[in-house]
Amino acid sequence: RTGDRALADDASAAVSGYDLTVGTVTERDSYTALFERATPVLGVTQEFGTVSTVNVLFALVRENQAYRFLPPHAPERRAAARAVYDAFVPRQRWARAYTVHRGVRVLAQVAELMRQQQQ
């Protein structure tokens, strides 16, 4: 089955590429600074890679160029927008199910860790 490598639970695979990131987001820099008086909440986001970074970049550049230089109803513009969508949202049912499964598993681990820290 295609994508078996993506299904691996290997922690190093899940975080590969982060060693190339630069910069940090602090509490002061993030959107939460806009809501200083708001009730504290825990936000959870799941990031996953469906295609290679190069393909994501290509799709984003293509869509940007189509947006800037093609008429609004040009078929190429719609195709470029669909390519960006496909780069971030997997079409395969197994990939979507795995993403949800992985996210629920990580959320349960976070909840357990928080429970342990409160004891």
PDB file of N, CA and C in Angstrom:
ATOM      1  N   ARG A   1       0.852  -1.188   0.000  1.00  0.00           N
ATOM      2  CA  ARG A   1       0.000   0.000   0.000  1.00  0.00           C
ATOM      3  C   ARG A   1       0.884   1.233   0.000  1.00  0.00           C
ATOM      4  N   THR A   2       0.538   2.196  -0.811  1.00  0.00           N
ATOM      5  CA  THR A   2       1.290   3.444  -0.901  1.00  0.00           C
ATOM      6  C   THR A   2       1.160   4.226   0.401  1.00  0.00           C
ATOM      7  N   GLY A   3       2.269   4.796   0.833  1.00  0.00           N
ATOM      8  CA  GLY A   3       2.220   5.639   2.023  1.00  0.00           C
ATOM      9  C   GLY A   3       2.520   4.922   3.317  1.00  0.00           C
ATOM     10  N   ASP A   4       2.975   3.658   3.244  1.00  0.00           N
ATOM     11  CA  ASP A   4       3.257   2.924   4.478  1.00  0.00           C
ATOM     12  C   ASP A   4       4.316   3.621   5.326  1.00  0.00           C
ATOM     13  N   ARG A   5       5.286   4.264   4.661  1.00  0.00           N
ATOM     14  CA  ARG A   5       6.321   4.960   5.420  1.00  0.00           C
ATOM     15  C   ARG A   5       5.706   6.087   6.253  1.00  0.00           C
ATOM     16  N   ALA A   6       4.699   6.742   5.692  1.00  0.00           N
ATOM     17  CA  ALA A   6       4.026   7.830   6.418  1.00  0.00           C
ATOM     18  C   ALA A   6       3.252   7.296   7.607  1.00  0.00           C
ATOM     19  N   LEU A   7       2.915   6.017   7.577  1.00  0.00           N
ATOM     20  CA  LEU A   7       2.145   5.439   8.665  1.00  0.00           C
ATOM     21  C   LEU A   7       3.018   5.023   9.843  1.00  0.00           C
ATOM     22  N   ALA A   8       4.311   5.056   9.662  1.00  0.00           N
ATOM     23  CA  ALA A   8       5.214   4.636  10.730  1.00  0.00           C
ATOM     24  C   ALA A   8       5.034   5.525  11.952  1.00  0.00           C
ATOM     25  N   ASP A   9       5.089   4.914  13.128  1.00  0.00           N
ATOM     26  CA  ASP A   9       4.962   5.675  14.366  1.00  0.00           C
ATOM     27  C   ASP A   9       6.314   6.184  14.851  1.00  0.00           C
ATOM     28  N   ASP A  10       7.320   6.097  14.028  1.00  0.00           N
ATOM     29  CA  ASP A  10       8.658   6.538  14.375  1.00  0.00           C
ATOM     30  C   ASP A  10       8.644   8.035  14.684  1.00  0.00           C
ATOM     31  N   ALA A  11       8.979   8.380  15.914  1.00  0.00           N
ATOM     32  CA  ALA A  11       8.930   9.781  16.337  1.00  0.00           C
ATOM     33  C   ALA A  11       9.867  10.644  15.512  1.00  0.00           C
ATOM     34  N   SER A  12      11.007  10.100  15.101  1.00  0.00           N
ATOM     35  CA  SER A  12      11.945  10.908  14.320  1.00  0.00           C
ATOM     36  C   SER A  12      11.354  11.284  12.970  1.00  0.00           C
ATOM     37  N   ALA A  13      10.535  10.414  12.394  1.00  0.00           N
ATOM     38  CA  ALA A  13       9.898  10.736  11.113  1.00  0.00           C
ATOM     39  C   ALA A  13       8.882  11.859  11.283  1.00  0.00           C
ATOM     40  N   ALA A  14       8.209  11.877  12.408  1.00  0.00           N
ATOM     41  CA  ALA A  14       7.173  12.888  12.641  1.00  0.00           C
ATOM     42  C   ALA A  14       7.761  14.282  12.780  1.00  0.00           C
ATOM     43  N   VAL A  15       8.995  14.393  13.228  1.00  0.00           N
ATOM     44  CA  VAL A  15       9.586  15.715  13.446  1.00  0.00           C
ATOM     45  C   VAL A  15      10.728  16.011  12.482  1.00  0.00           C
ATOM     46  N   SER A  16      10.919  15.171  11.479  1.00  0.00           N
ATOM     47  CA  SER A  16      12.016  15.412  10.548  1.00  0.00           C
ATOM     48  C   SER A  16      11.797  16.742   9.829  1.00  0.00           C
ATOM     49  N   GLY A  17      12.864  17.474   9.674  1.00  0.00           N
ATOM     50  CA  GLY A  17      12.790  18.768   9.005  1.00  0.00           C
ATOM     51  C   GLY A  17      12.741  19.944   9.948  1.00  0.00           C
ATOM     52  N   TYR A  18      12.342  19.716  11.197  1.00  0.00           N
ATOM     53  CA  TYR A  18      12.266  20.826  12.135  1.00  0.00           C
ATOM     54  C   TYR A  18      13.651  21.355  12.506  1.00  0.00           C
ATOM     55  N   ASP A  19      14.681  20.547  12.295  1.00  0.00           N
ATOM     56  CA  ASP A  19      16.029  21.019  12.571  1.00  0.00           C
ATOM     57  C   ASP A  19      16.436  22.133  11.604  1.00  0.00           C
ATOM     58  N   LEU A  20      15.692  22.300  10.523  1.00  0.00           N
ATOM     59  CA  LEU A  20      15.986  23.342   9.546  1.00  0.00           C
ATOM     60  C   LEU A  20      15.201  24.623   9.793  1.00  0.00           C
ATOM     61  N   THR A  21      14.315  24.628  10.777  1.00  0.00           N
ATOM     62  CA  THR A  21      13.517  25.817  11.036  1.00  0.00           C
ATOM     63  C   THR A  21      14.343  26.876  11.755  1.00  0.00           C
ATOM     64  N   VAL A  22      13.936  28.113  11.571  1.00  0.00           N
ATOM     65  CA  VAL A  22      14.644  29.230  12.182  1.00  0.00           C
ATOM     66  C   VAL A  22      13.623  30.106  12.885  1.00  0.00           C
ATOM     67  N   GLY A  23      13.946  30.546  14.101  1.00  0.00           N
ATOM     68  CA  GLY A  23      13.072  31.462  14.824  1.00  0.00           C
ATOM     69  C   GLY A  23      12.122  30.740  15.750  1.00  0.00           C
ATOM     70  N   THR A  24      11.491  31.514  16.592  1.00  0.00           N
ATOM     71  CA  THR A  24      10.535  30.969  17.546  1.00  0.00           C
ATOM     72  C   THR A  24       9.335  31.896  17.634  1.00  0.00           C
ATOM     73  N   VAL A  25       8.272  31.379  18.160  1.00  0.00           N
ATOM     74  CA  VAL A  25       7.094  32.188  18.442  1.00  0.00           C
ATOM     75  C   VAL A  25       6.912  32.163  19.956  1.00  0.00           C
ATOM     76  N   THR A  26       6.955  33.323  20.550  1.00  0.00           N
ATOM     77  CA  THR A  26       6.788  33.413  21.992  1.00  0.00           C
ATOM     78  C   THR A  26       5.380  33.872  22.308  1.00  0.00           C
ATOM     79  N   GLU A  27       5.011  33.794  23.563  1.00  0.00           N
ATOM     80  CA  GLU A  27       3.695  34.255  24.005  1.00  0.00           C
ATOM     81  C   GLU A  27       3.480  35.713  23.601  1.00  0.00           C
ATOM     82  N   ARG A  28       4.516  36.503  23.667  1.00  0.00           N
ATOM     83  CA  ARG A  28       4.431  37.927  23.326  1.00  0.00           C
ATOM     84  C   ARG A  28       4.206  38.129  21.823  1.00  0.00           C
ATOM     85  N   ASP A  29       4.756  37.223  20.985  1.00  0.00           N
ATOM     86  CA  ASP A  29       4.645  37.354  19.535  1.00  0.00           C
ATOM     87  C   ASP A  29       3.358  36.784  18.963  1.00  0.00           C
ATOM     88  N   SER A  30       2.739  35.878  19.679  1.00  0.00           N
ATOM     89  CA  SER A  30       1.627  35.137  19.088  1.00  0.00           C
ATOM     90  C   SER A  30       0.314  35.910  19.179  1.00  0.00           C
ATOM     91  N   TYR A  31      -0.700  35.347  18.534  1.00  0.00           N
ATOM     92  CA  TYR A  31      -2.012  35.976  18.510  1.00  0.00           C
ATOM     93  C   TYR A  31      -2.623  36.097  19.903  1.00  0.00           C
ATOM     94  N   THR A  32      -2.168  35.289  20.860  1.00  0.00           N
ATOM     95  CA  THR A  32      -2.747  35.351  22.205  1.00  0.00           C
ATOM     96  C   THR A  32      -2.497  36.704  22.868  1.00  0.00           C
ATOM     97  N   ALA A  33      -1.466  37.415  22.409  1.00  0.00           N
ATOM     98  CA  ALA A  33      -1.207  38.744  22.957  1.00  0.00           C
ATOM     99  C   ALA A  33      -2.360  39.703  22.648  1.00  0.00           C
ATOM    100  N   LEU A  34      -3.146  39.398  21.624  1.00  0.00           N
ATOM    101  CA  LEU A  34      -4.286  40.238  21.271  1.00  0.00           C
ATOM    102  C   LEU A  34      -5.469  40.037  22.223  1.00  0.00           C
ATOM    103  N   PHE A  35      -5.424  38.958  22.997  1.00  0.00           N
ATOM    104  CA  PHE A  35      -6.554  38.599  23.855  1.00  0.00           C
ATOM    105  C   PHE A  35      -6.118  38.469  25.319  1.00  0.00           C
ATOM    106  N   GLU A  36      -5.461  39.483  25.820  1.00  0.00           N
ATOM    107  CA  GLU A  36      -4.908  39.425  27.163  1.00  0.00           C
ATOM    108  C   GLU A  36      -5.967  39.208  28.235  1.00  0.00           C
ATOM    109  N   ARG A  37      -7.182  39.690  28.032  1.00  0.00           N
ATOM    110  CA  ARG A  37      -8.228  39.564  29.048  1.00  0.00           C
ATOM    111  C   ARG A  37      -9.099  38.318  28.848  1.00  0.00           C
ATOM    112  N   ALA A  38      -8.807  37.530  27.846  1.00  0.00           N
ATOM    113  CA  ALA A  38      -9.625  36.350  27.542  1.00  0.00           C
ATOM    114  C   ALA A  38      -9.358  35.231  28.549  1.00  0.00           C
ATOM    115  N   THR A  39     -10.328  34.359  28.713  1.00  0.00           N
ATOM    116  CA  THR A  39     -10.169  33.181  29.558  1.00  0.00           C
ATOM    117  C   THR A  39      -9.148  32.255  28.910  1.00  0.00           C
ATOM    118  N   PRO A  40      -8.181  31.766  29.675  1.00  0.00           N
ATOM    119  CA  PRO A  40      -7.160  30.870  29.093  1.00  0.00           C
ATOM    120  C   PRO A  40      -7.790  29.583  28.559  1.00  0.00           C
ATOM    121  N   VAL A  41      -7.336  29.178  27.400  1.00  0.00           N
ATOM    122  CA  VAL A  41      -7.771  27.918  26.789  1.00  0.00           C
ATOM    123  C   VAL A  41      -6.542  27.225  26.213  1.00  0.00           C
ATOM    124  N   LEU A  42      -6.690  25.955  25.933  1.00  0.00           N
ATOM    125  CA  LEU A  42      -5.622  25.200  25.296  1.00  0.00           C
ATOM    126  C   LEU A  42      -6.017  24.961  23.847  1.00  0.00           C
ATOM    127  N   GLY A  43      -5.220  25.475  22.935  1.00  0.00           N
ATOM    128  CA  GLY A  43      -5.473  25.254  21.508  1.00  0.00           C
ATOM    129  C   GLY A  43      -4.589  24.135  21.012  1.00  0.00           C
ATOM    130  N   VAL A  44      -5.130  23.279  20.174  1.00  0.00           N
ATOM    131  CA  VAL A  44      -4.369  22.154  19.638  1.00  0.00           C
ATOM    132  C   VAL A  44      -4.464  22.190  18.127  1.00  0.00           C
ATOM    133  N   THR A  45      -3.322  22.088  17.490  1.00  0.00           N
ATOM    134  CA  THR A  45      -3.252  22.053  16.037  1.00  0.00           C
ATOM    135  C   THR A  45      -2.414  20.858  15.636  1.00  0.00           C
ATOM    136  N   GLN A  46      -2.849  20.160  14.613  1.00  0.00           N
ATOM    137  CA  GLN A  46      -2.064  19.042  14.110  1.00  0.00           C
ATOM    138  C   GLN A  46      -1.485  19.418  12.762  1.00  0.00           C
ATOM    139  N   GLU A  47      -0.182  19.283  12.664  1.00  0.00           N
ATOM    140  CA  GLU A  47       0.491  19.552  11.405  1.00  0.00           C
ATOM    141  C   GLU A  47       0.947  18.221  10.830  1.00  0.00           C
ATOM    142  N   PHE A  48       0.749  18.026   9.554  1.00  0.00           N
ATOM    143  CA  PHE A  48       1.177  16.790   8.924  1.00  0.00           C
ATOM    144  C   PHE A  48       1.603  17.095   7.503  1.00  0.00           C
ATOM    145  N   GLY A  49       2.461  16.277   6.975  1.00  0.00           N
ATOM    146  CA  GLY A  49       2.923  16.472   5.611  1.00  0.00           C
ATOM    147  C   GLY A  49       2.272  15.471   4.682  1.00  0.00           C
ATOM    148  N   THR A  50       1.601  15.975   3.670  1.00  0.00           N
ATOM    149  CA  THR A  50       0.976  15.080   2.698  1.00  0.00           C
ATOM    150  C   THR A  50       1.831  14.958   1.451  1.00  0.00           C
ATOM    151  N   VAL A  51       2.569  15.979   1.127  1.00  0.00           N
ATOM    152  CA  VAL A  51       3.466  15.951  -0.024  1.00  0.00           C
ATOM    153  C   VAL A  51       4.774  16.618   0.387  1.00  0.00           C
ATOM    154  N   SER A  52       5.778  16.481  -0.442  1.00  0.00           N
ATOM    155  CA  SER A  52       7.086  17.044  -0.112  1.00  0.00           C
ATOM    156  C   SER A  52       7.017  18.571  -0.036  1.00  0.00           C
ATOM    157  N   THR A  53       7.931  19.139   0.701  1.00  0.00           N
ATOM    158  CA  THR A  53       7.995  20.585   0.875  1.00  0.00           C
ATOM    159  C   THR A  53       8.182  21.290  -0.465  1.00  0.00           C
ATOM    160  N   VAL A  54       8.980  20.704  -1.344  1.00  0.00           N
ATOM    161  CA  VAL A  54       9.211  21.305  -2.659  1.00  0.00           C
ATOM    162  C   VAL A  54       7.898  21.369  -3.441  1.00  0.00           C
ATOM    163  N   ASN A  55       7.106  20.308  -3.371  1.00  0.00           N
ATOM    164  CA  ASN A  55       5.821  20.312  -4.085  1.00  0.00           C
ATOM    165  C   ASN A  55       4.843  21.318  -3.484  1.00  0.00           C
ATOM    166  N   VAL A  56       4.880  21.487  -2.169  1.00  0.00           N
ATOM    167  CA  VAL A  56       4.036  22.501  -1.525  1.00  0.00           C
ATOM    168  C   VAL A  56       4.449  23.886  -2.012  1.00  0.00           C
ATOM    169  N   LEU A  57       5.743  24.139  -2.011  1.00  0.00           N
ATOM    170  CA  LEU A  57       6.245  25.436  -2.477  1.00  0.00           C
ATOM    171  C   LEU A  57       5.849  25.681  -3.927  1.00  0.00           C
ATOM    172  N   PHE A  58       6.014  24.680  -4.777  1.00  0.00           N
ATOM    173  CA  PHE A  58       5.638  24.820  -6.180  1.00  0.00           C
ATOM    174  C   PHE A  58       4.155  25.148  -6.316  1.00  0.00           C
ATOM    175  N   ALA A  59       3.307  24.450  -5.570  1.00  0.00           N
ATOM    176  CA  ALA A  59       1.859  24.694  -5.644  1.00  0.00           C
ATOM    177  C   ALA A  59       1.524  26.110  -5.180  1.00  0.00           C
ATOM    178  N   LEU A  60       2.176  26.568  -4.115  1.00  0.00           N
ATOM    179  CA  LEU A  60       1.912  27.921  -3.614  1.00  0.00           C
ATOM    180  C   LEU A  60       2.348  28.991  -4.611  1.00  0.00           C
ATOM    181  N   VAL A  61       3.520  28.807  -5.202  1.00  0.00           N
ATOM    182  CA  VAL A  61       4.017  29.779  -6.187  1.00  0.00           C
ATOM    183  C   VAL A  61       3.108  29.795  -7.414  1.00  0.00           C
ATOM    184  N   ARG A  62       2.739  28.609  -7.886  1.00  0.00           N
ATOM    185  CA  ARG A  62       1.860  28.508  -9.054  1.00  0.00           C
ATOM    186  C   ARG A  62       0.518  29.202  -8.797  1.00  0.00           C
ATOM    187  N   GLU A  63      -0.056  28.961  -7.630  1.00  0.00           N
ATOM    188  CA  GLU A  63      -1.344  29.571  -7.301  1.00  0.00           C
ATOM    189  C   GLU A  63      -1.214  31.090  -7.185  1.00  0.00           C
ATOM    190  N   ASN A  64      -0.130  31.551  -6.585  1.00  0.00           N
ATOM    191  CA  ASN A  64       0.085  32.993  -6.445  1.00  0.00           C
ATOM    192  C   ASN A  64       0.205  33.661  -7.814  1.00  0.00           C
ATOM    193  N   GLN A  65       0.950  33.034  -8.702  1.00  0.00           N
ATOM    194  CA  GLN A  65       1.116  33.600 -10.047  1.00  0.00           C
ATOM    195  C   GLN A  65      -0.214  33.582 -10.812  1.00  0.00           C
ATOM    196  N   ALA A  66      -0.970  32.511 -10.668  1.00  0.00           N
ATOM    197  CA  ALA A  66      -2.276  32.439 -11.326  1.00  0.00           C
ATOM    198  C   ALA A  66      -3.208  33.517 -10.790  1.00  0.00           C
ATOM    199  N   TYR A  67      -3.188  33.728  -9.481  1.00  0.00           N
ATOM    200  CA  TYR A  67      -4.041  34.759  -8.861  1.00  0.00           C
ATOM    201  C   TYR A  67      -3.669  36.145  -9.374  1.00  0.00           C
ATOM    202  N   ARG A  68      -2.376  36.397  -9.484  1.00  0.00           N
ATOM    203  CA  ARG A  68      -1.922  37.732  -9.867  1.00  0.00           C
ATOM    204  C   ARG A  68      -2.070  38.028 -11.351  1.00  0.00           C
ATOM    205  N   PHE A  69      -1.923  37.014 -12.205  1.00  0.00           N
ATOM    206  CA  PHE A  69      -1.795  37.299 -13.627  1.00  0.00           C
ATOM    207  C   PHE A  69      -2.883  36.712 -14.524  1.00  0.00           C
ATOM    208  N   LEU A  70      -3.768  35.893 -13.996  1.00  0.00           N
ATOM    209  CA  LEU A  70      -4.817  35.313 -14.832  1.00  0.00           C
ATOM    210  C   LEU A  70      -6.174  35.913 -14.492  1.00  0.00           C
ATOM    211  N   PRO A  71      -7.092  35.914 -15.456  1.00  0.00           N
ATOM    212  CA  PRO A  71      -8.444  36.406 -15.178  1.00  0.00           C
ATOM    213  C   PRO A  71      -9.118  35.533 -14.115  1.00  0.00           C
ATOM    214  N   PRO A  72     -10.035  36.086 -13.336  1.00  0.00           N
ATOM    215  CA  PRO A  72     -10.656  35.353 -12.225  1.00  0.00           C
ATOM    216  C   PRO A  72     -11.272  34.003 -12.599  1.00  0.00           C
ATOM    217  N   HIS A  73     -11.805  33.853 -13.791  1.00  0.00           N
ATOM    218  CA  HIS A  73     -12.480  32.604 -14.136  1.00  0.00           C
ATOM    219  C   HIS A  73     -11.654  31.706 -15.048  1.00  0.00           C
ATOM    220  N   ALA A  74     -10.362  31.948 -15.149  1.00  0.00           N
ATOM    221  CA  ALA A  74      -9.497  31.118 -15.991  1.00  0.00           C
ATOM    222  C   ALA A  74      -9.390  29.708 -15.401  1.00  0.00           C
ATOM    223  N   PRO A  75      -9.523  28.678 -16.224  1.00  0.00           N
ATOM    224  CA  PRO A  75      -9.429  27.292 -15.724  1.00  0.00           C
ATOM    225  C   PRO A  75      -8.092  27.001 -15.044  1.00  0.00           C
ATOM    226  N   GLU A  76      -7.022  27.616 -15.548  1.00  0.00           N
ATOM    227  CA  GLU A  76      -5.699  27.391 -14.947  1.00  0.00           C
ATOM    228  C   GLU A  76      -5.648  27.927 -13.516  1.00  0.00           C
ATOM    229  N   ARG A  77      -6.407  28.980 -13.268  1.00  0.00           N
ATOM    230  CA  ARG A  77      -6.439  29.562 -11.921  1.00  0.00           C
ATOM    231  C   ARG A  77      -7.118  28.605 -10.933  1.00  0.00           C
ATOM    232  N   ARG A  78      -8.210  27.991 -11.362  1.00  0.00           N
ATOM    233  CA  ARG A  78      -8.909  27.011 -10.526  1.00  0.00           C
ATOM    234  C   ARG A  78      -8.023  25.782 -10.295  1.00  0.00           C
ATOM    235  N   ALA A  79      -7.320  25.342 -11.328  1.00  0.00           N
ATOM    236  CA  ALA A  79      -6.428  24.185 -11.195  1.00  0.00           C
ATOM    237  C   ALA A  79      -5.295  24.476 -10.214  1.00  0.00           C
ATOM    238  N   ALA A  80      -4.765  25.679 -10.270  1.00  0.00           N
ATOM    239  CA  ALA A  80      -3.685  26.060  -9.346  1.00  0.00           C
ATOM    240  C   ALA A  80      -4.191  26.108  -7.911  1.00  0.00           C
ATOM    241  N   ALA A  81      -5.395  26.620  -7.703  1.00  0.00           N
ATOM    242  CA  ALA A  81      -5.980  26.653  -6.360  1.00  0.00           C
ATOM    243  C   ALA A  81      -6.220  25.241  -5.851  1.00  0.00           C
ATOM    244  N   ARG A  82      -6.661  24.345  -6.725  1.00  0.00           N
ATOM    245  CA  ARG A  82      -6.899  22.954  -6.323  1.00  0.00           C
ATOM    246  C   ARG A  82      -5.588  22.269  -5.936  1.00  0.00           C
ATOM    247  N   ALA A  83      -4.501  22.601  -6.632  1.00  0.00           N
ATOM    248  CA  ALA A  83      -3.199  22.012  -6.309  1.00  0.00           C
ATOM    249  C   ALA A  83      -2.756  22.413  -4.898  1.00  0.00           C
ATOM    250  N   VAL A  84      -3.024  23.652  -4.509  1.00  0.00           N
ATOM    251  CA  VAL A  84      -2.685  24.079  -3.143  1.00  0.00           C
ATOM    252  C   VAL A  84      -3.541  23.314  -2.135  1.00  0.00           C
ATOM    253  N   TYR A  85      -4.818  23.199  -2.406  1.00  0.00           N
ATOM    254  CA  TYR A  85      -5.706  22.445  -1.520  1.00  0.00           C
ATOM    255  C   TYR A  85      -5.209  21.009  -1.364  1.00  0.00           C
ATOM    256  N   ASP A  86      -4.864  20.383  -2.486  1.00  0.00           N
ATOM    257  CA  ASP A  86      -4.392  18.995  -2.450  1.00  0.00           C
ATOM    258  C   ASP A  86      -3.085  18.855  -1.678  1.00  0.00           C
ATOM    259  N   ALA A  87      -2.271  19.904  -1.667  1.00  0.00           N
ATOM    260  CA  ALA A  87      -1.008  19.848  -0.932  1.00  0.00           C
ATOM    261  C   ALA A  87      -1.231  19.803   0.577  1.00  0.00           C
ATOM    262  N   PHE A  88      -2.364  20.324   1.036  1.00  0.00           N
ATOM    263  CA  PHE A  88      -2.614  20.398   2.473  1.00  0.00           C
ATOM    264  C   PHE A  88      -3.716  19.466   2.961  1.00  0.00           C
ATOM    265  N   VAL A  89      -4.551  18.972   2.076  1.00  0.00           N
ATOM    266  CA  VAL A  89      -5.665  18.112   2.475  1.00  0.00           C
ATOM    267  C   VAL A  89      -5.590  16.810   1.686  1.00  0.00           C
ATOM    268  N   PRO A  90      -5.264  15.717   2.340  1.00  0.00           N
ATOM    269  CA  PRO A  90      -5.157  14.451   1.604  1.00  0.00           C
ATOM    270  C   PRO A  90      -6.521  13.986   1.092  1.00  0.00           C
ATOM    271  N   ARG A  91      -6.531  13.462  -0.120  1.00  0.00           N
ATOM    272  CA  ARG A  91      -7.776  12.950  -0.694  1.00  0.00           C
ATOM    273  C   ARG A  91      -8.042  11.509  -0.285  1.00  0.00           C
ATOM    274  N   GLN A  92      -6.983  10.752  -0.053  1.00  0.00           N
ATOM    275  CA  GLN A  92      -7.144   9.336   0.249  1.00  0.00           C
ATOM    276  C   GLN A  92      -7.826   9.155   1.597  1.00  0.00           C
ATOM    277  N   ARG A  93      -8.822   8.282   1.617  1.00  0.00           N
ATOM    278  CA  ARG A  93      -9.572   8.027   2.848  1.00  0.00           C
ATOM    279  C   ARG A  93      -8.649   7.498   3.955  1.00  0.00           C
ATOM    280  N   TRP A  94      -7.703   6.605   3.609  1.00  0.00           N
ATOM    281  CA  TRP A  94      -6.808   6.042   4.624  1.00  0.00           C
ATOM    282  C   TRP A  94      -5.932   7.137   5.238  1.00  0.00           C
ATOM    283  N   ALA A  95      -5.502   8.106   4.416  1.00  0.00           N
ATOM    284  CA  ALA A  95      -4.647   9.177   4.928  1.00  0.00           C
ATOM    285  C   ALA A  95      -5.424  10.084   5.874  1.00  0.00           C
ATOM    286  N   ARG A  96      -6.665  10.371   5.538  1.00  0.00           N
ATOM    287  CA  ARG A  96      -7.497  11.192   6.424  1.00  0.00           C
ATOM    288  C   ARG A  96      -7.768  10.464   7.740  1.00  0.00           C
ATOM    289  N   ALA A  97      -8.083   9.170   7.639  1.00  0.00           N
ATOM    290  CA  ALA A  97      -8.354   8.385   8.851  1.00  0.00           C
ATOM    291  C   ALA A  97      -7.111   8.309   9.718  1.00  0.00           C
ATOM    292  N   TYR A  98      -5.952   8.116   9.102  1.00  0.00           N
ATOM    293  CA  TYR A  98      -4.715   8.041   9.874  1.00  0.00           C
ATOM    294  C   TYR A  98      -4.406   9.376  10.551  1.00  0.00           C
ATOM    295  N   THR A  99      -4.652  10.476   9.852  1.00  0.00           N
ATOM    296  CA  THR A  99      -4.394  11.793  10.421  1.00  0.00           C
ATOM    297  C   THR A  99      -5.265  12.022  11.654  1.00  0.00           C
ATOM    298  N   VAL A 100      -6.524  11.667  11.565  1.00  0.00           N
ATOM    299  CA  VAL A 100      -7.423  11.813  12.717  1.00  0.00           C
ATOM    300  C   VAL A 100      -6.965  10.894  13.849  1.00  0.00           C
ATOM    301  N   HIS A 101      -6.633   9.644  13.522  1.00  0.00           N
ATOM    302  CA  HIS A 101      -6.178   8.692  14.532  1.00  0.00           C
ATOM    303  C   HIS A 101      -4.933   9.217  15.249  1.00  0.00           C
ATOM    304  N   ARG A 102      -3.985   9.703  14.470  1.00  0.00           N
ATOM    305  CA  ARG A 102      -2.737  10.221  15.050  1.00  0.00           C
ATOM    306  C   ARG A 102      -3.005  11.445  15.925  1.00  0.00           C
ATOM    307  N   GLY A 103      -3.868  12.338  15.461  1.00  0.00           N
ATOM    308  CA  GLY A 103      -4.189  13.525  16.247  1.00  0.00           C
ATOM    309  C   GLY A 103      -4.874  13.196  17.557  1.00  0.00           C
ATOM    310  N   VAL A 104      -5.821  12.262  17.525  1.00  0.00           N
ATOM    311  CA  VAL A 104      -6.517  11.853  18.751  1.00  0.00           C
ATOM    312  C   VAL A 104      -5.535  11.198  19.712  1.00  0.00           C
ATOM    313  N   ARG A 105      -4.623  10.375  19.175  1.00  0.00           N
ATOM    314  CA  ARG A 105      -3.632   9.713  20.028  1.00  0.00           C
ATOM    315  C   ARG A 105      -2.718  10.738  20.710  1.00  0.00           C
ATOM    316  N   VAL A 106      -2.250  11.715  19.954  1.00  0.00           N
ATOM    317  CA  VAL A 106      -1.373  12.745  20.537  1.00  0.00           C
ATOM    318  C   VAL A 106      -2.132  13.584  21.555  1.00  0.00           C
ATOM    319  N   LEU A 107      -3.376  13.937  21.263  1.00  0.00           N
ATOM    320  CA  LEU A 107      -4.183  14.706  22.203  1.00  0.00           C
ATOM    321  C   LEU A 107      -4.391  13.924  23.498  1.00  0.00           C
ATOM    322  N   ALA A 108      -4.625  12.618  23.404  1.00  0.00           N
ATOM    323  CA  ALA A 108      -4.778  11.790  24.602  1.00  0.00           C
ATOM    324  C   ALA A 108      -3.482  11.761  25.408  1.00  0.00           C
ATOM    325  N   GLN A 109      -2.346  11.722  24.728  1.00  0.00           N
ATOM    326  CA  GLN A 109      -1.059  11.744  25.422  1.00  0.00           C
ATOM    327  C   GLN A 109      -0.847  13.071  26.147  1.00  0.00           C
ATOM    328  N   VAL A 110      -1.229  14.164  25.501  1.00  0.00           N
ATOM    329  CA  VAL A 110      -1.108  15.484  26.138  1.00  0.00           C
ATOM    330  C   VAL A 110      -2.016  15.565  27.365  1.00  0.00           C
ATOM    331  N   ALA A 111      -3.240  15.083  27.227  1.00  0.00           N
ATOM    332  CA  ALA A 111      -4.184  15.105  28.348  1.00  0.00           C
ATOM    333  C   ALA A 111      -3.654  14.279  29.515  1.00  0.00           C
ATOM    334  N   GLU A 112      -3.082  13.120  29.226  1.00  0.00           N
ATOM    335  CA  GLU A 112      -2.521  12.268  30.280  1.00  0.00           C
ATOM    336  C   GLU A 112      -1.333  12.958  30.960  1.00  0.00           C
ATOM    337  N   LEU A 113      -0.478  13.572  30.174  1.00  0.00           N
ATOM    338  CA  LEU A 113       0.662  14.293  30.731  1.00  0.00           C
ATOM    339  C   LEU A 113       0.196  15.432  31.634  1.00  0.00           C
ATOM    340  N   MET A 114      -0.806  16.177  31.200  1.00  0.00           N
ATOM    341  CA  MET A 114      -1.332  17.266  32.016  1.00  0.00           C
ATOM    342  C   MET A 114      -1.951  16.725  33.305  1.00  0.00           C
ATOM    343  N   ARG A 115      -2.668  15.609  33.208  1.00  0.00           N
ATOM    344  CA  ARG A 115      -3.255  14.993  34.397  1.00  0.00           C
ATOM    345  C   ARG A 115      -2.181  14.586  35.381  1.00  0.00           C
ATOM    346  N   GLN A 116      -1.090  14.006  34.883  1.00  0.00           N
ATOM    347  CA  GLN A 116       0.004  13.574  35.747  1.00  0.00           C
ATOM    348  C   GLN A 116       0.682  14.767  36.413  1.00  0.00           C
ATOM    349  N   GLN A 117       0.807  15.868  35.696  1.00  0.00           N
ATOM    350  CA  GLN A 117       1.470  17.050  36.245  1.00  0.00           C
ATOM    351  C   GLN A 117       0.629  17.711  37.335  1.00  0.00           C
ATOM    352  N   GLN A 118      -0.683  17.530  37.292  1.00  0.00           N
ATOM    353  CA  GLN A 118      -1.550  18.120  38.308  1.00  0.00           C
ATOM    354  C   GLN A 118      -1.530  17.325  39.606  1.00  0.00           C
ATOM    355  N   GLN A 119      -1.078  16.100  39.565  1.00  0.00           N
ATOM    356  CA  GLN A 119      -1.068  15.253  40.778  1.00  0.00           C
ATOM    357  C   GLN A 119       0.107  15.580  41.669  1.00  0.00           C
TER     358      GLN A 119
END
